[in-house]
C-alpha atoms as a PDB file:
ATOM      1  CA  MET A   1      25.878 -35.097 -32.140  1.00  0.00           C
ATOM      2  CA  ALA A   2      29.387 -36.160 -31.557  1.00  0.00           C
ATOM      3  CA  HIS A   3      32.153 -36.821 -34.378  1.00  0.00           C
ATOM      4  CA  THR A   4      34.684 -38.989 -34.705  1.00  0.00           C
ATOM      5  CA  ASP A   5      36.832 -37.343 -36.836  1.00  0.00           C
ATOM      6  CA  PRO A   6      38.247 -34.556 -34.418  1.00  0.00           C
ATOM      7  CA  GLU A   7      38.870 -32.022 -37.434  1.00  0.00           C
ATOM      8  CA  SER A   8      35.177 -32.421 -39.053  1.00  0.00           C
ATOM      9  CA  VAL A   9      32.341 -29.750 -38.415  1.00  0.00           C
ATOM     10  CA  ASP A  10      28.866 -29.397 -39.255  1.00  0.00           C
ATOM     11  CA  ALA A  11      27.581 -27.515 -42.154  1.00  0.00           C
ATOM     12  CA  ASP A  12      25.752 -25.315 -40.093  1.00  0.00           C
ATOM     13  CA  HIS A  13      29.058 -24.326 -38.122  1.00  0.00           C
ATOM     14  CA  ILE A  14      30.935 -23.639 -41.162  1.00  0.00           C
ATOM     15  CA  ALA A  15      28.899 -21.249 -42.946  1.00  0.00           C
ATOM     16  CA  SER A  16      27.753 -19.509 -39.866  1.00  0.00           C
ATOM     17  CA  ARG A  17      31.481 -19.020 -38.686  1.00  0.00           C
ATOM     18  CA  ASP A  18      31.914 -17.628 -41.907  1.00  0.00           C
ATOM     19  CA  ILE A  19      29.592 -15.182 -41.435  1.00  0.00           C
ATOM     20  CA  ALA A  20      30.061 -14.449 -37.851  1.00  0.00           C
ATOM     21  CA  SER A  21      33.829 -13.595 -38.530  1.00  0.00           C
ATOM     22  CA  ARG A  22      33.207 -11.271 -41.663  1.00  0.00           C
ATOM     23  CA  ASP A  23      30.937  -9.580 -38.858  1.00  0.00           C
ATOM     24  CA  ILE A  24      33.141  -9.554 -36.207  1.00  0.00           C
ATOM     25  CA  ALA A  25      36.158  -7.926 -38.513  1.00  0.00           C
ATOM     26  CA  SER A  26      34.177  -5.717 -39.514  1.00  0.00           C
ATOM     27  CA  ARG A  27      33.467  -4.303 -35.740  1.00  0.00           C
ATOM     28  CA  ASP A  28      37.384  -4.758 -35.352  1.00  0.00           C
ATOM     29  CA  ILE A  29      38.218  -2.688 -37.476  1.00  0.00           C
ATOM     30  CA  ALA A  30      36.065   0.126 -36.131  1.00  0.00           C
ATOM     31  CA  SER A  31      36.968  -0.232 -32.786  1.00  0.00           C
ATOM     32  CA  ARG A  32      40.439  -1.744 -33.019  1.00  0.00           C
ATOM     33  CA  ASP A  33      41.998   1.950 -32.412  1.00  0.00           C
ATOM     34  CA  ILE A  34      40.340   3.120 -29.528  1.00  0.00           C
ATOM     35  CA  ALA A  35      42.424   4.456 -26.137  1.00  0.00           C
ATOM     36  CA  SER A  36      41.620   3.695 -22.639  1.00  0.00           C
ATOM     37  CA  ASP A  37      40.920   7.219 -22.551  1.00  0.00           C
ATOM     38  CA  ASP A  38      38.556   7.559 -25.106  1.00  0.00           C
ATOM     39  CA  ILE A  39      36.473   4.722 -23.849  1.00  0.00           C
ATOM     40  CA  THR A  40      33.450   5.270 -21.892  1.00  0.00           C
ATOM     41  CA  SER A  41      32.116   2.896 -19.052  1.00  0.00           C
ATOM     42  CA  ASP A  42      28.785   2.709 -21.931  1.00  0.00           C
ATOM     43  CA  ASP A  43      30.940   1.187 -24.680  1.00  0.00           C
ATOM     44  CA  ILE A  44      32.754  -1.333 -22.064  1.00  0.00           C
ATOM     45  CA  ALA A  45      29.525  -2.244 -21.205  1.00  0.00           C
ATOM     46  CA  ILE A  46      28.702  -3.142 -24.691  1.00  0.00           C
ATOM     47  CA  PHE A  47      31.975  -4.222 -25.849  1.00  0.00           C
ATOM     48  CA  GLY A  48      32.205  -6.709 -22.991  1.00  0.00           C
ATOM     49  CA  HIS A  49      28.459  -8.162 -23.936  1.00  0.00           C
ATOM     50  CA  LEU A  50      29.926  -8.187 -27.539  1.00  0.00           C
ATOM     51  CA  ASN A  51      32.896 -10.314 -26.185  1.00  0.00           C
ATOM     52  CA  LEU A  52      31.337 -12.734 -24.334  1.00  0.00           C
ATOM     53  CA  ILE A  53      28.882 -13.863 -27.451  1.00  0.00           C
ATOM     54  CA  GLU A  54      32.197 -14.082 -29.397  1.00  0.00           C
ATOM     55  CA  VAL A  55      34.182 -16.238 -27.241  1.00  0.00           C
ATOM     56  CA  SER A  56      31.396 -18.562 -26.803  1.00  0.00           C
ATOM     57  CA  ARG A  57      31.974 -18.849 -30.568  1.00  0.00           C
ATOM     58  CA  GLU A  58      35.245 -19.537 -30.413  1.00  0.00           C
ATOM     59  CA  PHE A  59      34.409 -21.987 -27.928  1.00  0.00           C
ATOM     60  CA  THR A  60      32.350 -23.955 -30.307  1.00  0.00           C
ATOM     61  CA  ARG A  61      35.853 -24.105 -32.835  1.00  0.00           C
ATOM     62  CA  TRP A  62      37.962 -26.615 -30.199  1.00  0.00           C
ATOM     63  CA  GLY A  63      36.104 -29.138 -29.388  1.00  0.00           C
ATOM     64  CA  ILE A  64      34.856 -32.016 -31.148  1.00  0.00           C
ATOM     65  CA  GLY A  65      31.211 -31.258 -31.905  1.00  0.00           C
ATOM     66  CA  GLY A  66      31.054 -27.981 -31.705  1.00  0.00           C
ATOM     67  CA  ALA A  67      28.305 -26.108 -33.846  1.00  0.00           C
ATOM     68  CA  LEU A  68      27.109 -22.348 -34.445  1.00  0.00           C
ATOM     69  CA  VAL A  69      24.971 -21.086 -35.906  1.00  0.00           C
ATOM     70  CA  GLU A  70      23.634 -17.570 -36.385  1.00  0.00           C
ATOM     71  CA  SER A  71      21.327 -15.467 -38.056  1.00  0.00           C
ATOM     72  CA  ASP A  72      17.890 -13.230 -37.594  1.00  0.00           C
ATOM     73  CA  GLY A  73      19.670 -12.037 -34.215  1.00  0.00           C
ATOM     74  CA  VAL A  74      20.387 -15.547 -32.393  1.00  0.00           C
ATOM     75  CA  VAL A  75      23.326 -16.974 -31.700  1.00  0.00           C
ATOM     76  CA  LEU A  76      23.695 -20.510 -30.584  1.00  0.00           C
ATOM     77  CA  TYR A  77      26.451 -22.259 -29.892  1.00  0.00           C
ATOM     78  CA  ALA A  78      26.975 -25.815 -28.792  1.00  0.00           C
ATOM     79  CA  THR A  79      31.178 -26.482 -27.384  1.00  0.00           C
ATOM     80  CA  GLY A  80      32.316 -30.321 -27.292  1.00  0.00           C
ATOM     81  CA  SER A  81      30.444 -30.637 -23.536  1.00  0.00           C
ATOM     82  CA  TRP A  82      26.934 -31.579 -22.815  1.00  0.00           C
ATOM     83  CA  LEU A  83      27.115 -29.191 -19.958  1.00  0.00           C
ATOM     84  CA  PRO A  84      23.968 -26.426 -20.207  1.00  0.00           C
ATOM     85  CA  VAL A  85      25.808 -23.848 -18.444  1.00  0.00           C
ATOM     86  CA  MET A  86      29.436 -22.333 -19.607  1.00  0.00           C
ATOM     87  CA  CYS A  87      29.168 -25.315 -22.415  1.00  0.00           C
ATOM     88  CA  ASN A  88      26.213 -24.691 -24.343  1.00  0.00           C
ATOM     89  CA  GLY A  89      23.888 -21.185 -25.170  1.00  0.00           C
ATOM     90  CA  ALA A  90      21.753 -18.984 -26.608  1.00  0.00           C
ATOM     91  CA  PHE A  91      22.362 -14.588 -27.094  1.00  0.00           C
ATOM     92  CA  ARG A  92      20.963 -12.177 -28.733  1.00  0.00           C
ATOM     93  CA  SER A  93      23.145 -10.295 -30.967  1.00  0.00           C
ATOM     94  CA  ASP A  94      20.064  -7.839 -32.261  1.00  0.00           C
ATOM     95  CA  ASP A  95      18.079  -6.080 -29.039  1.00  0.00           C
ATOM     96  CA  THR A  96      15.550  -5.537 -30.973  1.00  0.00           C
ATOM     97  CA  THR A  97      14.981 -10.060 -31.265  1.00  0.00           C
ATOM     98  CA  ALA A  98      11.417 -11.322 -29.440  1.00  0.00           C
ATOM     99  CA  ALA A  99      12.424 -13.062 -26.509  1.00  0.00           C
ATOM    100  CA  SER A 100      10.165 -15.755 -27.723  1.00  0.00           C
ATOM    101  CA  GLU A 101      12.035 -16.411 -30.284  1.00  0.00           C
ATOM    102  CA  VAL A 102      15.411 -16.805 -28.742  1.00  0.00           C
ATOM    103  CA  VAL A 103      13.762 -19.282 -26.235  1.00  0.00           C
ATOM    104  CA  THR A 104      12.057 -20.939 -29.477  1.00  0.00           C
ATOM    105  CA  ARG A 105      14.887 -21.817 -31.051  1.00  0.00           C
ATOM    106  CA  ALA A 106      17.067 -22.101 -28.577  1.00  0.00           C
ATOM    107  CA  ASP A 107      14.763 -24.859 -28.054  1.00  0.00           C
ATOM    108  CA  ALA A 108      14.894 -26.495 -31.149  1.00  0.00           C
ATOM    109  CA  PHE A 109      18.847 -26.518 -31.650  1.00  0.00           C
ATOM    110  CA  PHE A 110      19.298 -28.279 -28.290  1.00  0.00           C
ATOM    111  CA  GLY A 111      16.661 -30.312 -28.647  1.00  0.00           C
ATOM    112  CA  ALA A 112      17.808 -32.100 -31.573  1.00  0.00           C
ATOM    113  CA  ARG A 113      21.232 -32.103 -29.945  1.00  0.00           C
ATOM    114  CA  ARG A 114      19.607 -34.034 -26.581  1.00  0.00           C
ATOM    115  CA  ARG A 115      21.126 -31.171 -24.132  1.00  0.00           C
ATOM    116  CA  GLY A 116      20.127 -28.398 -21.972  1.00  0.00           C
ATOM    117  CA  TYR A 117      21.657 -24.566 -21.894  1.00  0.00           C
ATOM    118  CA  THR A 118      21.454 -21.343 -20.772  1.00  0.00           C
ATOM    119  CA  ILE A 119      20.809 -17.798 -21.445  1.00  0.00           C
ATOM    120  CA  MET A 120      22.974 -15.249 -19.830  1.00  0.00           C
ATOM    121  CA  VAL A 121      20.200 -11.916 -19.317  1.00  0.00           C
ATOM    122  CA  ARG A 122      22.018  -8.698 -17.998  1.00  0.00           C
ATOM    123  CA  ASP A 123      20.101  -7.010 -15.232  1.00  0.00           C
ATOM    124  CA  LEU A 124      19.875  -4.160 -17.704  1.00  0.00           C
ATOM    125  CA  PRO A 125      16.559  -2.123 -19.035  1.00  0.00           C
ATOM    126  CA  VAL A 126      17.582  -4.121 -22.069  1.00  0.00           C
ATOM    127  CA  ASP A 127      17.204  -7.058 -20.864  1.00  0.00           C
ATOM    128  CA  ASP A 128      14.015  -6.920 -19.454  1.00  0.00           C
ATOM    129  CA  ASP A 129      12.095  -8.589 -21.652  1.00  0.00           C
ATOM    130  CA  LEU A 130      14.430 -11.420 -22.704  1.00  0.00           C
ATOM    131  CA  ARG A 131      14.422 -11.945 -18.572  1.00  0.00           C
ATOM    132  CA  ARG A 132      10.241 -12.203 -18.922  1.00  0.00           C
ATOM    133  CA  GLY A 133      10.835 -14.530 -21.672  1.00  0.00           C
ATOM    134  CA  CYS A 134      13.030 -17.035 -20.079  1.00  0.00           C
ATOM    135  CA  GLU A 135      10.387 -16.735 -17.426  1.00  0.00           C
ATOM    136  CA  ALA A 136       7.220 -17.544 -19.402  1.00  0.00           C
ATOM    137  CA  GLY A 137       9.146 -19.909 -21.479  1.00  0.00           C
ATOM    138  CA  GLY A 138       9.981 -21.976 -18.088  1.00  0.00           C
ATOM    139  CA  LEU A 139      13.451 -21.385 -17.762  1.00  0.00           C
ATOM    140  CA  GLU A 140      14.885 -21.627 -14.156  1.00  0.00           C
ATOM    141  CA  ALA A 141      17.379 -18.570 -12.862  1.00  0.00           C
ATOM    142  CA  PHE A 142      20.204 -20.701 -11.732  1.00  0.00           C
ATOM    143  CA  GLY A 143      23.585 -19.660  -9.488  1.00  0.00           C
ATOM    144  CA  ASP A 144      23.618 -16.395  -8.021  1.00  0.00           C
ATOM    145  CA  PRO A 145      23.986 -13.026 -10.620  1.00  0.00           C
ATOM    146  CA  ALA A 146      27.511 -12.497 -11.923  1.00  0.00           C
ATOM    147  CA  PRO A 147      29.329  -9.411 -11.861  1.00  0.00           C
ATOM    148  CA  GLU A 148      30.178  -7.999 -15.290  1.00  0.00           C
ATOM    149  CA  MET A 149      33.665  -6.209 -14.092  1.00  0.00           C
ATOM    150  CA  PHE A 150      36.127  -4.414 -16.160  1.00  0.00           C
ATOM    151  CA  CYS A 151      39.683  -2.593 -15.849  1.00  0.00           C
ATOM    152  CA  THR A 152      40.591   0.404 -17.683  1.00  0.00           C
ATOM    153  CA  THR A 153      44.991   0.140 -16.406  1.00  0.00           C
ATOM    154  CA  PRO A 154      47.568  -2.386 -16.235  1.00  0.00           C
ATOM    155  CA  VAL A 155      47.032  -4.008 -12.734  1.00  0.00           C
ATOM    156  CA  ALA A 156      50.169  -4.391 -10.355  1.00  0.00           C
ATOM    157  CA  GLU A 157      52.196  -7.821 -10.920  1.00  0.00           C
ATOM    158  CA  HIS A 158      53.224 -10.746  -8.517  1.00  0.00           C
ATOM    159  CA  GLN A 159      54.228 -13.758  -8.627  1.00  0.00           C
ATOM    160  CA  PRO A 160      53.911 -16.462  -5.908  1.00  0.00           C
ATOM    161  CA  ASP A 161      57.517 -17.442  -4.868  1.00  0.00           C
ATOM    162  CA  GLY A 162      58.552 -21.605  -6.080  1.00  0.00           C
ATOM    163  CA  VAL A 163      55.893 -21.282  -9.717  1.00  0.00           C
ATOM    164  CA  GLU A 164      56.918 -20.119 -13.036  1.00  0.00           C
ATOM    165  CA  ILE A 165      53.954 -18.675 -15.065  1.00  0.00           C
ATOM    166  CA  ARG A 166      53.937 -19.549 -18.944  1.00  0.00           C
ATOM    167  CA  ARG A 167      52.122 -17.890 -22.322  1.00  0.00           C
ATOM    168  CA  ILE A 168      50.480 -21.179 -23.891  1.00  0.00           C
ATOM    169  CA  THR A 169      52.045 -22.193 -27.022  1.00  0.00           C
ATOM    170  CA  THR A 170      51.864 -26.270 -27.592  1.00  0.00           C
ATOM    171  CA  GLU A 171      49.158 -28.669 -27.268  1.00  0.00           C
ATOM    172  CA  ALA A 172      50.648 -30.100 -24.650  1.00  0.00           C
ATOM    173  CA  GLY A 173      50.382 -26.502 -22.707  1.00  0.00           C
ATOM    174  CA  VAL A 174      46.451 -26.354 -23.778  1.00  0.00           C
ATOM    175  CA  ILE A 175      45.988 -30.082 -22.294  1.00  0.00           C
ATOM    176  CA  ASP A 176      47.556 -28.932 -19.215  1.00  0.00           C
ATOM    177  CA  PHE A 177      45.286 -25.640 -18.900  1.00  0.00           C
ATOM    178  CA  ALA A 178      42.590 -28.415 -19.806  1.00  0.00           C
ATOM    179  CA  ALA A 179      43.574 -30.114 -16.844  1.00  0.00           C
ATOM    180  CA  VAL A 180      43.690 -26.858 -14.247  1.00  0.00           C
ATOM    181  CA  CYS A 181      40.411 -26.099 -15.572  1.00  0.00           C
ATOM    182  CA  SER A 182      39.174 -29.480 -14.445  1.00  0.00           C
ATOM    183  CA  ALA A 183      40.443 -29.316 -11.014  1.00  0.00           C
ATOM    184  CA  ALA A 184      39.239 -25.495 -10.572  1.00  0.00           C
ATOM    185  CA  TYR A 185      36.071 -26.102 -11.772  1.00  0.00           C
ATOM    186  CA  SER A 186      35.096 -29.026  -9.994  1.00  0.00           C
ATOM    187  CA  THR A 187      34.561 -26.808  -6.693  1.00  0.00           C
ATOM    188  CA  TYR A 188      31.289 -25.621  -7.917  1.00  0.00           C
ATOM    189  CA  GLY A 189      29.870 -28.881  -8.824  1.00  0.00           C
ATOM    190  CA  MET A 190      31.174 -28.873 -12.794  1.00  0.00           C
ATOM    191  CA  PRO A 191      32.281 -32.756 -14.193  1.00  0.00           C
ATOM    192  CA  VAL A 192      35.483 -33.279 -15.087  1.00  0.00           C
ATOM    193  CA  GLU A 193      35.685 -33.879 -17.802  1.00  0.00           C
ATOM    194  CA  ALA A 194      33.596 -30.741 -19.068  1.00  0.00           C
ATOM    195  CA  PRO A 195      36.627 -28.657 -20.059  1.00  0.00           C
ATOM    196  CA  VAL A 196      38.415 -31.300 -21.569  1.00  0.00           C
ATOM    197  CA  GLN A 197      35.994 -31.552 -24.164  1.00  0.00           C
ATOM    198  CA  LEU A 198      35.631 -27.812 -24.722  1.00  0.00           C
ATOM    199  CA  PHE A 199      39.497 -27.781 -25.557  1.00  0.00           C
ATOM    200  CA  GLY A 200      39.112 -31.560 -27.099  1.00  0.00           C
ATOM    201  CA  ILE A 201      41.220 -30.158 -30.492  1.00  0.00           C
ATOM    202  CA  PRO A 202      44.453 -28.069 -28.604  1.00  0.00           C
ATOM    203  CA  ARG A 203      45.587 -26.780 -31.912  1.00  0.00           C
ATOM    204  CA  ARG A 204      42.836 -24.758 -32.689  1.00  0.00           C
ATOM    205  CA  VAL A 205      43.240 -22.880 -29.775  1.00  0.00           C
ATOM    206  CA  ILE A 206      47.019 -22.187 -30.218  1.00  0.00           C
ATOM    207  CA  GLU A 207      45.856 -20.866 -34.111  1.00  0.00           C
ATOM    208  CA  ALA A 208      43.520 -18.903 -32.101  1.00  0.00           C
ATOM    209  CA  ARG A 209      46.212 -15.911 -32.126  1.00  0.00           C
ATOM    210  CA  HIS A 210      43.475 -12.926 -30.392  1.00  0.00           C
ATOM    211  CA  VAL A 211      43.621 -15.404 -27.436  1.00  0.00           C
ATOM    212  CA  ILE A 212      46.415 -15.460 -24.386  1.00  0.00           C
ATOM    213  CA  ALA A 213      46.355 -18.226 -22.069  1.00  0.00           C
ATOM    214  CA  VAL A 214      48.951 -18.940 -19.965  1.00  0.00           C
ATOM    215  CA  VAL A 215      49.240 -21.479 -17.215  1.00  0.00           C
ATOM    216  CA  ALA A 216      51.631 -21.583 -14.182  1.00  0.00           C
ATOM    217  CA  TYR A 217      53.277 -24.290 -12.944  1.00  0.00           C
ATOM    218  CA  ALA A 218      55.074 -25.133  -9.746  1.00  0.00           C
ATOM    219  CA  GLY A 219      58.209 -27.129 -10.824  1.00  0.00           C
ATOM    220  CA  THR A 220      56.162 -29.477 -13.467  1.00  0.00           C
ATOM    221  CA  GLU A 221      52.783 -29.487 -12.139  1.00  0.00           C
ATOM    222  CA  PRO A 222      49.963 -27.001 -13.383  1.00  0.00           C
ATOM    223  CA  VAL A 223      48.642 -25.378 -10.771  1.00  0.00           C
ATOM    224  CA  ALA A 224      46.678 -22.428 -12.075  1.00  0.00           C
ATOM    225  CA  ALA A 225      45.213 -21.154 -15.372  1.00  0.00           C
ATOM    226  CA  ALA A 226      43.986 -18.059 -17.007  1.00  0.00           C
ATOM    227  CA  MET A 227      42.996 -16.842 -21.069  1.00  0.00           C
ATOM    228  CA  THR A 228      41.927 -13.336 -22.357  1.00  0.00           C
ATOM    229  CA  LEU A 229      40.338 -13.128 -25.930  1.00  0.00           C
ATOM    230  CA  LEU A 230      41.124  -9.634 -27.952  1.00  0.00           C
ATOM    231  CA  SER A 231      38.006  -8.913 -29.930  1.00  0.00           C
ATOM    232  CA  HIS A 232      36.045  -5.461 -30.401  1.00  0.00           C
ATOM    233  CA  GLY A 233      38.950  -3.305 -29.528  1.00  0.00           C
ATOM    234  CA  ILE A 234      38.987  -4.749 -25.641  1.00  0.00           C
ATOM    235  CA  ALA A 235      39.934  -8.439 -23.799  1.00  0.00           C
ATOM    236  CA  GLY A 236      37.658 -10.872 -21.827  1.00  0.00           C
ATOM    237  CA  LEU A 237      39.106 -12.635 -19.039  1.00  0.00           C
ATOM    238  CA  TYR A 238      38.247 -16.296 -18.742  1.00  0.00           C
ATOM    239  CA  TRP A 239      38.261 -19.394 -17.113  1.00  0.00           C
ATOM    240  CA  VAL A 240      41.148 -18.731 -14.759  1.00  0.00           C
ATOM    241  CA  GLY A 241      41.778 -21.541 -11.745  1.00  0.00           C
ATOM    242  CA  THR A 242      43.369 -22.867  -9.156  1.00  0.00           C
ATOM    243  CA  VAL A 243      43.800 -26.216  -8.453  1.00  0.00           C
ATOM    244  CA  GLN A 244      42.555 -26.448  -4.710  1.00  0.00           C
ATOM    245  CA  GLY A 245      45.610 -27.357  -2.943  1.00  0.00           C
ATOM    246  CA  ALA A 246      47.115 -24.409  -4.301  1.00  0.00           C
ATOM    247  CA  ARG A 247      44.369 -22.098  -3.653  1.00  0.00           C
ATOM    248  CA  LYS A 248      45.264 -18.785  -1.229  1.00  0.00           C
ATOM    249  CA  SER A 249      48.683 -18.422  -2.040  1.00  0.00           C
ATOM    250  CA  GLY A 250      48.009 -15.896  -4.689  1.00  0.00           C
ATOM    251  CA  LEU A 251      48.610 -17.979  -7.792  1.00  0.00           C
ATOM    252  CA  GLY A 252      45.070 -17.015  -9.231  1.00  0.00           C
ATOM    253  CA  ARG A 253      45.634 -13.183  -8.687  1.00  0.00           C
ATOM    254  CA  ALA A 254      49.182 -13.867 -10.482  1.00  0.00           C
ATOM    255  CA  VAL A 255      47.601 -15.598 -14.014  1.00  0.00           C
ATOM    256  CA  THR A 256      45.114 -13.026 -14.270  1.00  0.00           C
ATOM    257  CA  ALA A 257      47.165 -10.181 -13.724  1.00  0.00           C
ATOM    258  CA  VAL A 258      49.673 -11.638 -16.351  1.00  0.00           C
ATOM    259  CA  VAL A 259      46.631 -11.922 -19.475  1.00  0.00           C
ATOM    260  CA  THR A 260      45.274  -8.688 -18.510  1.00  0.00           C
ATOM    261  CA  ASN A 261      48.493  -6.629 -19.111  1.00  0.00           C
ATOM    262  CA  ALA A 262      49.315  -9.074 -21.893  1.00  0.00           C
ATOM    263  CA  SER A 263      45.876  -8.306 -23.062  1.00  0.00           C
ATOM    264  CA  PHE A 264      46.403  -3.908 -22.242  1.00  0.00           C
ATOM    265  CA  ALA A 265      49.826  -4.336 -24.495  1.00  0.00           C
ATOM    266  CA  HIS A 266      48.417  -5.873 -27.199  1.00  0.00           C
ATOM    267  CA  GLY A 267      46.280  -2.869 -27.626  1.00  0.00           C
ATOM    268  CA  ALA A 268      43.238  -3.599 -25.229  1.00  0.00           C
ATOM    269  CA  ALA A 269      41.595  -0.562 -24.480  1.00  0.00           C
ATOM    270  CA  ALA A 270      39.389  -2.340 -21.075  1.00  0.00           C
ATOM    271  CA  VAL A 271      39.634  -6.310 -20.153  1.00  0.00           C
ATOM    272  CA  THR A 272      36.053  -7.240 -19.017  1.00  0.00           C
ATOM    273  CA  LEU A 273      35.071 -10.199 -16.745  1.00  0.00           C
ATOM    274  CA  GLN A 274      32.259 -12.473 -15.432  1.00  0.00           C
ATOM    275  CA  ALA A 275      33.625 -12.961 -11.864  1.00  0.00           C
ATOM    276  CA  SER A 276      32.508 -16.036  -9.499  1.00  0.00           C
ATOM    277  CA  VAL A 277      32.013 -15.545  -5.858  1.00  0.00           C
ATOM    278  CA  MET A 278      35.010 -16.800  -4.686  1.00  0.00           C
ATOM    279  CA  GLY A 279      36.737 -14.311  -7.441  1.00  0.00           C
ATOM    280  CA  GLU A 280      34.819 -11.090  -7.269  1.00  0.00           C
ATOM    281  CA  PRO A 281      36.622  -9.796  -4.191  1.00  0.00           C
ATOM    282  CA  ILE A 282      40.108 -10.685  -5.603  1.00  0.00           C
ATOM    283  CA  TYR A 283      39.552  -8.789  -9.172  1.00  0.00           C
ATOM    284  CA  ARG A 284      38.166  -5.995  -7.363  1.00  0.00           C
ATOM    285  CA  ALA A 285      41.302  -5.692  -4.791  1.00  0.00           C
ATOM    286  CA  MET A 286      43.123  -5.399  -8.009  1.00  0.00           C
ATOM    287  CA  GLY A 287      41.186  -2.826  -9.199  1.00  0.00           C
ATOM    288  CA  TYR A 288      37.728  -3.682 -11.498  1.00  0.00           C
ATOM    289  CA  ASP A 289      34.519  -2.749 -11.252  1.00  0.00           C
ATOM    290  CA  THR A 290      31.205  -3.691 -11.445  1.00  0.00           C
ATOM    291  CA  LEU A 291      29.108  -2.717 -15.059  1.00  0.00           C
ATOM    292  CA  TYR A 292      26.257  -5.018 -14.092  1.00  0.00           C
ATOM    293  CA  HIS A 293      25.357  -8.395 -14.176  1.00  0.00           C
ATOM    294  CA  TYR A 294      24.013 -11.521 -15.609  1.00  0.00           C
ATOM    295  CA  GLN A 295      21.661 -13.722 -14.419  1.00  0.00           C
ATOM    296  CA  ASN A 296      22.463 -17.304 -15.855  1.00  0.00           C
ATOM    297  CA  TRP A 297      18.715 -18.558 -17.018  1.00  0.00           C
ATOM    298  CA  VAL A 298      18.843 -22.458 -17.715  1.00  0.00           C
ATOM    299  CA  ARG A 299      17.093 -25.157 -19.819  1.00  0.00           C
ATOM    300  CA  PHE A 300      18.221 -28.396 -17.980  1.00  0.00           C
ATOM    301  CA  MET A 301      17.011 -30.539 -20.587  1.00  0.00           C
ATOM    302  CA  SER A 302      15.796 -29.344 -23.828  1.00  0.00           C
ATOM    303  CA  PRO A 303      11.683 -30.095 -24.504  1.00  0.00           C
ATOM    304  CA  GLY A 304      11.216 -33.524 -26.313  1.00  0.00           C
ATOM    305  CA  THR A 305      14.211 -35.417 -24.974  1.00  0.00           C
END
């Protein structure tokens, strides 16, 4: 479902966004003063998952046609892109919600939008039933399990020669950020238009003050990017990418370090991420450790579409 007016969102999105904002605000009040010395790996495992859900909510606000519905323990999010993986999905906000209910409601939500979707399942006992529900519902396990990684202390920074890393504060910077992600993630088979569509309303990205985004420039050319989103007393790291011609120069590590340390400076007790095969050894060398793994279970097109 597309909107011709980039400022418009559907009624479901408006109502559920207000509910979600109140819910997140109440949880953040409880966790905002957590210090790194007090936080445990169990805490981080919970907060990291909640941060992933929160960034998915945020993505729905940044693209034309985004939609967010949250009720009865299920979060359903659709971004400005049709892509089933990373851009459309379902989560349980209540781990006691029946897995079959998640799949049934996701099929209805995305079927109406003629889209596929992903359910990200942790390799933890709490998600065993969700994995079985995805299998029973006919979703497909897609890709290698992604490690959920974390660090609790600042990391070493290094800026490669001839490169300037800038905090994104303008709409033009958001457009550059999306261009880097388009070029970088096409390596994994992502359509180049997907990040551009996801970041399709740059003003809203700039207005998200709990987001830290940077782009590395070689002269005037954007060559690497990364962002973090702060919630639940921590920060989540997302959309780390380097254009193909600038890889193996330390740029991915450089932008990761900048947003990681900026998140700690803004009060995060930890920084979490879901690593790609290409990124995992870099993050591990920087000091990130693994908590668990996510498996993507994908409905490439919802039933009836």
